[in-house]
């Protein structure tokens, strides 16, 4: 049995990992959300309207590109939207 398995098998180790999970799970949502809000505010502080609009456009296109790339690895999207072959599990 490895050290990690023995820690998780003990009751105190289980409680420590449970507390860490309860604390860190919201951070998986809050940290990226905070980063997006900071980027949005930074773009809003640009004085020149054309550069601000271009920055907003680049921001939205980047988010769209990330969404398309992330969902293209889900087999449902590969079958029904893109008509790509399914990924092997």
Protein backbone atom coordinates (compact mmCIF):
# COMPACT_ATOMS: atom_id res chain seq x y z
CA UNK A 1 0.00 0.00 0.00
CA UNK A 2 1.40 3.38 -0.95
CA UNK A 3 1.64 6.34 1.41
CA UNK A 4 -1.28 8.11 -0.30
CA UNK A 5 -3.50 5.05 -0.04
CA UNK A 6 -2.68 4.59 3.64
CA UNK A 7 -3.48 8.26 4.36
CA UNK A 8 -6.82 8.05 2.56
CA UNK A 9 -7.62 4.75 4.29
CA UNK A 10 -7.22 6.34 7.73
CA UNK A 11 -10.15 8.25 9.21
CA UNK A 12 -8.20 11.46 9.85
CA UNK A 13 -6.85 11.41 6.29
CA UNK A 14 -10.36 10.96 4.94
CA UNK A 15 -11.62 13.92 6.98
CA UNK A 16 -8.70 16.11 5.83
CA UNK A 17 -9.34 15.27 2.17
CA UNK A 18 -13.07 15.83 2.67
CA UNK A 19 -12.45 19.30 4.12
CA UNK A 20 -10.00 20.13 1.33
CA UNK A 21 -12.55 19.01 -1.24
CA UNK A 22 -15.31 21.12 0.31
CA UNK A 23 -13.05 24.18 0.35
CA UNK A 24 -11.47 23.73 -3.08
CA UNK A 25 -14.56 22.68 -5.07
CA UNK A 26 -16.08 26.21 -5.07
CA UNK A 27 -12.67 27.58 -6.07
CA UNK A 28 -12.92 25.66 -9.35
CA UNK A 29 -15.77 28.01 -10.26
CA UNK A 30 -14.89 31.19 -8.35
CA UNK A 31 -11.30 31.61 -9.52
CA UNK A 32 -12.04 31.41 -13.30
CA UNK A 33 -15.08 33.64 -12.77
CA UNK A 34 -12.94 36.22 -10.95
CA UNK A 35 -10.38 36.11 -13.76
CA UNK A 36 -13.10 36.67 -16.37
CA UNK A 37 -14.50 39.62 -14.40
CA UNK A 38 -11.02 41.16 -14.08
CA UNK A 39 -10.45 40.81 -17.83
CA UNK A 40 -13.88 42.34 -18.52
CA UNK A 41 -13.10 45.31 -16.27
CA UNK A 42 -9.65 45.76 -17.81
CA UNK A 43 -11.16 45.85 -21.29
CA UNK A 44 -13.81 48.33 -20.09
CA UNK A 45 -11.11 50.70 -18.87
CA UNK A 46 -9.70 51.18 -22.41
CA UNK A 47 -10.42 54.79 -23.40
CA UNK A 48 -10.44 54.53 -27.20
CA UNK A 49 -13.82 53.11 -28.30
CA UNK A 50 -12.53 51.25 -31.37
CA UNK A 51 -9.79 49.47 -29.38
CA UNK A 52 -12.25 48.66 -26.60
CA UNK A 53 -14.69 47.16 -29.11
CA UNK A 54 -11.91 45.16 -30.75
CA UNK A 55 -10.80 43.88 -27.36
CA UNK A 56 -14.38 42.85 -26.48
CA UNK A 57 -14.64 41.08 -29.85
CA UNK A 58 -11.36 39.24 -29.30
CA UNK A 59 -12.49 38.29 -25.78
CA UNK A 60 -15.79 36.82 -27.03
CA UNK A 61 -14.11 34.98 -29.91
CA UNK A 62 -11.55 33.51 -27.51
CA UNK A 63 -14.32 32.26 -25.20
CA UNK A 64 -16.19 30.82 -28.19
CA UNK A 65 -13.07 29.07 -29.45
CA UNK A 66 -12.41 27.59 -26.02
CA UNK A 67 -16.03 26.36 -25.80
CA UNK A 68 -15.86 24.73 -29.24
CA UNK A 69 -12.55 23.03 -28.50
CA UNK A 70 -13.71 21.75 -25.11
CA UNK A 71 -17.03 20.43 -26.40
CA UNK A 72 -15.51 18.81 -29.48
CA UNK A 73 -14.06 16.12 -27.23
CA UNK A 74 -17.51 15.11 -25.96
CA UNK A 75 -18.82 12.23 -28.04
CA UNK A 76 -22.39 13.60 -28.21
CA UNK A 77 -21.14 16.74 -29.96
CA UNK A 78 -18.87 14.70 -32.19
CA UNK A 79 -21.80 12.49 -33.32
CA UNK A 80 -24.56 15.07 -33.71
CA UNK A 81 -23.00 18.41 -34.53
CA UNK A 82 -19.63 17.96 -36.16
CA UNK A 83 -20.20 14.50 -37.73
CA UNK A 84 -16.74 13.48 -36.57
CA UNK A 85 -15.89 9.91 -35.65
CA UNK A 86 -16.38 9.06 -31.99
CA UNK A 87 -13.42 9.06 -29.64
CA UNK A 88 -12.39 5.72 -28.22
CA UNK A 89 -12.95 5.49 -24.47
